[in-house]
Amino acid sequence: MANKKASKSRARSGTSFMFLTLHQDIMNAVSDEIPSAWFNDNDTDKGSNNNYETHVMGYFFCNNKACSNTGWGSKMVTILIRGYPGNGYNAVVFNQRCKSCNRLGSFKLDKDSYIERVAYRVKRWAGISTEAPYYMPREGPPHRESLCEGCKRGICRRQNK
């Protein structure tokens, strides 16, 4: 299940999500090396000079009352991080579909994994030497491309392997 920090956040619906509300947390994580960074709230490659595909963690809920699957956790939630000139960035997190009924889930983000991965990438693009985040070996059910919105957009690293 999602960690305590993630469970306090509100679940979201849609094919993808952007978390502008976590920009201050990203700033706190990079502020020792980067005095200012900005969040581009447009989900577009236009103007970007970098992009990186990775995964974060989260928990999904199936809202279909006729479905027996109430929810699932995932360590393979696709995220596309884009860099823009002047230490700009955005991060798009992609939803997953329920394996039982194929409907989009509602999503609760594991904030710690998101902040860690986005802050690391912003630092790298700014030329800051920093230690890569530790990635635990993947455990759990196999990744199903047909249920991953990142795979459907050709973004998921798992699909590209």
C-alpha atoms as a PDB file:
ATOM      1  CA  MET A   1       0.000   0.000   0.000  1.00  0.00           C
ATOM      2  CA  ALA A   2       1.074   3.621  -0.446  1.00  0.00           C
ATOM      3  CA  ASN A   3       3.087   5.196   2.333  1.00  0.00           C
ATOM      4  CA  LYS A   4       1.572   7.403   5.005  1.00  0.00           C
ATOM      5  CA  LYS A   5       2.537  10.628   3.243  1.00  0.00           C
ATOM      6  CA  ALA A   6       0.846   9.557   0.020  1.00  0.00           C
ATOM      7  CA  SER A   7      -2.304   8.412   1.792  1.00  0.00           C
ATOM      8  CA  LYS A   8      -2.930  11.929   3.125  1.00  0.00           C
ATOM      9  CA  SER A   9      -3.197  13.351  -0.391  1.00  0.00           C
ATOM     10  CA  ARG A  10      -6.423  13.392  -2.371  1.00  0.00           C
ATOM     11  CA  ALA A  11      -6.866  10.783  -5.109  1.00  0.00           C
ATOM     12  CA  ARG A  12      -6.993  12.151  -8.671  1.00  0.00           C
ATOM     13  CA  SER A  13      -8.607  10.910 -11.876  1.00  0.00           C
ATOM     14  CA  GLY A  14      -7.572  11.369 -15.525  1.00  0.00           C
ATOM     15  CA  THR A  15      -5.037   9.873 -17.935  1.00  0.00           C
ATOM     16  CA  SER A  16      -2.167  11.940 -16.508  1.00  0.00           C
ATOM     17  CA  PHE A  17      -1.400  14.322 -13.663  1.00  0.00           C
ATOM     18  CA  MET A  18       0.858  17.272 -12.893  1.00  0.00           C
ATOM     19  CA  PHE A  19       1.599  18.190  -9.278  1.00  0.00           C
ATOM     20  CA  LEU A  20       2.201  21.948  -9.149  1.00  0.00           C
ATOM     21  CA  THR A  21       1.423  21.812  -5.418  1.00  0.00           C
ATOM     22  CA  LEU A  22       4.687  19.892  -4.908  1.00  0.00           C
ATOM     23  CA  HIS A  23       6.850  22.585  -6.556  1.00  0.00           C
ATOM     24  CA  GLN A  24       7.814  24.064  -3.165  1.00  0.00           C
ATOM     25  CA  ASP A  25       8.948  20.609  -2.033  1.00  0.00           C
ATOM     26  CA  ILE A  26      11.092  20.335  -5.173  1.00  0.00           C
ATOM     27  CA  MET A  27      12.503  23.807  -4.473  1.00  0.00           C
ATOM     28  CA  ASN A  28      13.349  22.777  -0.909  1.00  0.00           C
ATOM     29  CA  ALA A  29      15.141  19.697  -2.248  1.00  0.00           C
ATOM     30  CA  VAL A  30      17.281  21.647  -4.761  1.00  0.00           C
ATOM     31  CA  SER A  31      17.667  25.058  -3.085  1.00  0.00           C
ATOM     32  CA  ASP A  32      21.148  24.399  -1.654  1.00  0.00           C
ATOM     33  CA  GLU A  33      22.513  24.121  -5.211  1.00  0.00           C
ATOM     34  CA  ILE A  34      19.923  25.915  -7.355  1.00  0.00           C
ATOM     35  CA  PRO A  35      18.578  29.209  -5.995  1.00  0.00           C
ATOM     36  CA  SER A  36      15.611  29.308  -8.352  1.00  0.00           C
ATOM     37  CA  ALA A  37      13.723  26.863 -10.516  1.00  0.00           C
ATOM     38  CA  TRP A  38      10.339  27.235 -12.110  1.00  0.00           C
ATOM     39  CA  PHE A  39       7.460  24.905 -12.905  1.00  0.00           C
ATOM     40  CA  ASN A  40       6.004  24.844 -16.424  1.00  0.00           C
ATOM     41  CA  ASP A  41       2.367  23.871 -16.014  1.00  0.00           C
ATOM     42  CA  ASN A  42       1.851  23.160 -19.736  1.00  0.00           C
ATOM     43  CA  ASP A  43       2.007  19.486 -20.664  1.00  0.00           C
ATOM     44  CA  THR A  44       4.046  20.053 -23.808  1.00  0.00           C
ATOM     45  CA  ASP A  45       7.491  19.351 -25.219  1.00  0.00           C
ATOM     46  CA  LYS A  46       7.472  22.827 -26.800  1.00  0.00           C
ATOM     47  CA  GLY A  47      10.440  24.780 -25.499  1.00  0.00           C
ATOM     48  CA  SER A  48      11.889  21.887 -23.517  1.00  0.00           C
ATOM     49  CA  ASN A  49      15.579  21.118 -23.845  1.00  0.00           C
ATOM     50  CA  ASN A  50      15.592  17.824 -21.900  1.00  0.00           C
ATOM     51  CA  ASN A  51      13.272  14.990 -21.031  1.00  0.00           C
ATOM     52  CA  TYR A  52      13.640  11.879 -18.944  1.00  0.00           C
ATOM     53  CA  GLU A  53      11.351   8.894 -18.453  1.00  0.00           C
ATOM     54  CA  THR A  54      11.349   7.101 -15.119  1.00  0.00           C
ATOM     55  CA  HIS A  55       8.962   5.650 -12.543  1.00  0.00           C
ATOM     56  CA  VAL A  56       7.558   6.706  -9.202  1.00  0.00           C
ATOM     57  CA  MET A  57       5.333   4.870  -6.775  1.00  0.00           C
ATOM     58  CA  GLY A  58       1.686   5.296  -5.942  1.00  0.00           C
ATOM     59  CA  TYR A  59      -1.631   3.685  -5.182  1.00  0.00           C
ATOM     60  CA  PHE A  60      -4.627   3.365  -7.487  1.00  0.00           C
ATOM     61  CA  PHE A  61      -8.291   2.911  -6.628  1.00  0.00           C
ATOM     62  CA  CYS A  62     -10.912   1.424  -8.911  1.00  0.00           C
ATOM     63  CA  ASN A  63     -14.060   3.574  -8.716  1.00  0.00           C
ATOM     64  CA  ASN A  64     -16.233   1.145 -10.651  1.00  0.00           C
ATOM     65  CA  LYS A  65     -18.792  -0.061  -8.097  1.00  0.00           C
ATOM     66  CA  ALA A  66     -19.469  -3.160 -10.238  1.00  0.00           C
ATOM     67  CA  CYS A  67     -15.769  -4.148 -10.149  1.00  0.00           C
ATOM     68  CA  SER A  68     -14.379  -6.502  -7.504  1.00  0.00           C
ATOM     69  CA  ASN A  69     -10.930  -4.830  -7.585  1.00  0.00           C
ATOM     70  CA  THR A  70     -10.810  -2.019  -5.042  1.00  0.00           C
ATOM     71  CA  GLY A  71      -7.226  -0.923  -5.620  1.00  0.00           C
ATOM     72  CA  TRP A  72      -3.581  -1.712  -6.294  1.00  0.00           C
ATOM     73  CA  GLY A  73      -0.175  -0.325  -5.451  1.00  0.00           C
ATOM     74  CA  SER A  74       2.488   0.187  -8.081  1.00  0.00           C
ATOM     75  CA  LYS A  75       6.217   0.817  -8.053  1.00  0.00           C
ATOM     76  CA  MET A  76       6.054   1.298 -11.832  1.00  0.00           C
ATOM     77  CA  VAL A  77       4.035   4.504 -12.262  1.00  0.00           C
ATOM     78  CA  THR A  78       5.348   6.191 -15.405  1.00  0.00           C
ATOM     79  CA  ILE A  79       6.582   9.763 -15.133  1.00  0.00           C
ATOM     80  CA  LEU A  80       7.967  12.054 -17.829  1.00  0.00           C
ATOM     81  CA  ILE A  81      10.181  14.838 -16.480  1.00  0.00           C
ATOM     82  CA  ARG A  82      10.908  17.713 -18.879  1.00  0.00           C
ATOM     83  CA  GLY A  83      13.561  20.383 -18.509  1.00  0.00           C
ATOM     84  CA  TYR A  84      13.272  23.939 -19.805  1.00  0.00           C
ATOM     85  CA  PRO A  85      15.889  26.716 -20.077  1.00  0.00           C
ATOM     86  CA  GLY A  86      16.617  28.608 -16.854  1.00  0.00           C
ATOM     87  CA  ASN A  87      16.073  25.587 -14.560  1.00  0.00           C
ATOM     88  CA  GLY A  88      12.462  25.125 -15.571  1.00  0.00           C
ATOM     89  CA  TYR A  89      10.832  21.736 -15.349  1.00  0.00           C
ATOM     90  CA  ASN A  90       7.573  19.867 -15.278  1.00  0.00           C
ATOM     91  CA  ALA A  91       6.661  16.301 -14.498  1.00  0.00           C
ATOM     92  CA  VAL A  92       3.736  14.374 -15.925  1.00  0.00           C
ATOM     93  CA  VAL A  93       2.644  11.254 -14.061  1.00  0.00           C
ATOM     94  CA  PHE A  94       0.568   8.715 -15.999  1.00  0.00           C
ATOM     95  CA  ASN A  95      -2.427   6.810 -14.730  1.00  0.00           C
ATOM     96  CA  GLN A  96      -3.090   3.078 -14.915  1.00  0.00           C
ATOM     97  CA  ARG A  97      -6.216   1.094 -15.688  1.00  0.00           C
ATOM     98  CA  CYS A  98      -7.830  -1.539 -13.520  1.00  0.00           C
ATOM     99  CA  LYS A  99      -6.893  -5.053 -14.647  1.00  0.00           C
ATOM    100  CA  SER A 100     -10.419  -6.291 -13.830  1.00  0.00           C
ATOM    101  CA  CYS A 101     -12.603  -3.712 -15.604  1.00  0.00           C
ATOM    102  CA  ASN A 102     -10.123  -1.658 -17.707  1.00  0.00           C
ATOM    103  CA  ARG A 103     -11.318   1.680 -16.286  1.00  0.00           C
ATOM    104  CA  LEU A 104      -8.887   4.409 -15.283  1.00  0.00           C
ATOM    105  CA  GLY A 105      -8.048   4.376 -11.615  1.00  0.00           C
ATOM    106  CA  SER A 106      -7.974   7.262  -9.169  1.00  0.00           C
ATOM    107  CA  PHE A 107      -4.406   7.901  -8.118  1.00  0.00           C
ATOM    108  CA  LYS A 108      -2.577   8.770  -4.912  1.00  0.00           C
ATOM    109  CA  LEU A 109       1.046   9.686  -5.459  1.00  0.00           C
ATOM    110  CA  ASP A 110       3.901   8.574  -3.233  1.00  0.00           C
ATOM    111  CA  LYS A 111       5.232  12.092  -2.729  1.00  0.00           C
ATOM    112  CA  ASP A 112       8.662  11.018  -1.500  1.00  0.00           C
ATOM    113  CA  SER A 113       9.506   9.054  -4.666  1.00  0.00           C
ATOM    114  CA  TYR A 114       8.229  11.910  -6.848  1.00  0.00           C
ATOM    115  CA  ILE A 115      10.204  14.617  -5.037  1.00  0.00           C
ATOM    116  CA  GLU A 116      13.361  12.499  -4.992  1.00  0.00           C
ATOM    117  CA  ARG A 117      13.265  11.689  -8.712  1.00  0.00           C
ATOM    118  CA  VAL A 118      12.243  15.143  -9.947  1.00  0.00           C
ATOM    119  CA  ALA A 119      14.741  16.990  -7.727  1.00  0.00           C
ATOM    120  CA  TYR A 120      17.536  14.673  -8.842  1.00  0.00           C
ATOM    121  CA  ARG A 121      16.767  15.277 -12.516  1.00  0.00           C
ATOM    122  CA  VAL A 122      16.525  19.093 -12.076  1.00  0.00           C
ATOM    123  CA  LYS A 123      19.937  19.063 -10.355  1.00  0.00           C
ATOM    124  CA  ARG A 124      21.503  16.921 -13.082  1.00  0.00           C
ATOM    125  CA  TRP A 125      20.221  19.197 -15.827  1.00  0.00           C
ATOM    126  CA  ALA A 126      21.610  22.206 -13.938  1.00  0.00           C
ATOM    127  CA  GLY A 127      25.051  20.526 -13.976  1.00  0.00           C
ATOM    128  CA  ILE A 128      25.055  19.688 -10.262  1.00  0.00           C
ATOM    129  CA  SER A 129      26.935  16.519  -9.382  1.00  0.00           C
ATOM    130  CA  THR A 130      24.638  14.470  -7.200  1.00  0.00           C
ATOM    131  CA  GLU A 131      24.247  10.859  -6.182  1.00  0.00           C
ATOM    132  CA  ALA A 132      21.582   8.948  -8.102  1.00  0.00           C
ATOM    133  CA  PRO A 133      18.523   7.903  -6.098  1.00  0.00           C
ATOM    134  CA  TYR A 134      18.525   4.307  -4.926  1.00  0.00           C
ATOM    135  CA  TYR A 135      16.097   2.193  -6.922  1.00  0.00           C
ATOM    136  CA  MET A 136      14.885  -0.882  -5.086  1.00  0.00           C
ATOM    137  CA  PRO A 137      14.573  -4.030  -7.158  1.00  0.00           C
ATOM    138  CA  ARG A 138      11.096  -4.246  -8.631  1.00  0.00           C
ATOM    139  CA  GLU A 139       8.758  -6.623  -6.863  1.00  0.00           C
ATOM    140  CA  GLY A 140       5.167  -7.349  -7.662  1.00  0.00           C
ATOM    141  CA  PRO A 141       3.065  -8.319 -10.631  1.00  0.00           C
ATOM    142  CA  PRO A 142       4.431  -7.849 -14.146  1.00  0.00           C
ATOM    143  CA  HIS A 143       3.952  -4.505 -15.878  1.00  0.00           C
ATOM    144  CA  ARG A 144       0.987  -4.648 -18.255  1.00  0.00           C
ATOM    145  CA  GLU A 145       1.424  -2.262 -21.184  1.00  0.00           C
ATOM    146  CA  SER A 146      -2.285  -2.399 -22.035  1.00  0.00           C
ATOM    147  CA  LEU A 147      -3.129  -0.869 -18.622  1.00  0.00           C
ATOM    148  CA  CYS A 148      -0.412   1.815 -18.546  1.00  0.00           C
ATOM    149  CA  GLU A 149      -1.268   5.242 -19.963  1.00  0.00           C
ATOM    150  CA  GLY A 150       2.468   5.978 -20.285  1.00  0.00           C
ATOM    151  CA  CYS A 151       2.887   2.923 -22.528  1.00  0.00           C
ATOM    152  CA  LYS A 152      -0.056   4.039 -24.647  1.00  0.00           C
ATOM    153  CA  ARG A 153       1.704   7.380 -25.252  1.00  0.00           C
ATOM    154  CA  GLY A 154       5.033   5.646 -25.970  1.00  0.00           C
ATOM    155  CA  ILE A 155       6.668   7.159 -22.877  1.00  0.00           C
ATOM    156  CA  CYS A 156       6.991   4.284 -20.401  1.00  0.00           C
ATOM    157  CA  ARG A 157      10.581   3.071 -19.971  1.00  0.00           C
ATOM    158  CA  ARG A 158       9.294  -0.397 -19.221  1.00  0.00           C
ATOM    159  CA  GLN A 159       7.704  -0.558 -22.669  1.00  0.00           C
ATOM    160  CA  ASN A 160      10.872   0.705 -24.328  1.00  0.00           C
ATOM    161  CA  LYS A 161      13.052  -2.121 -22.898  1.00  0.00           C
END
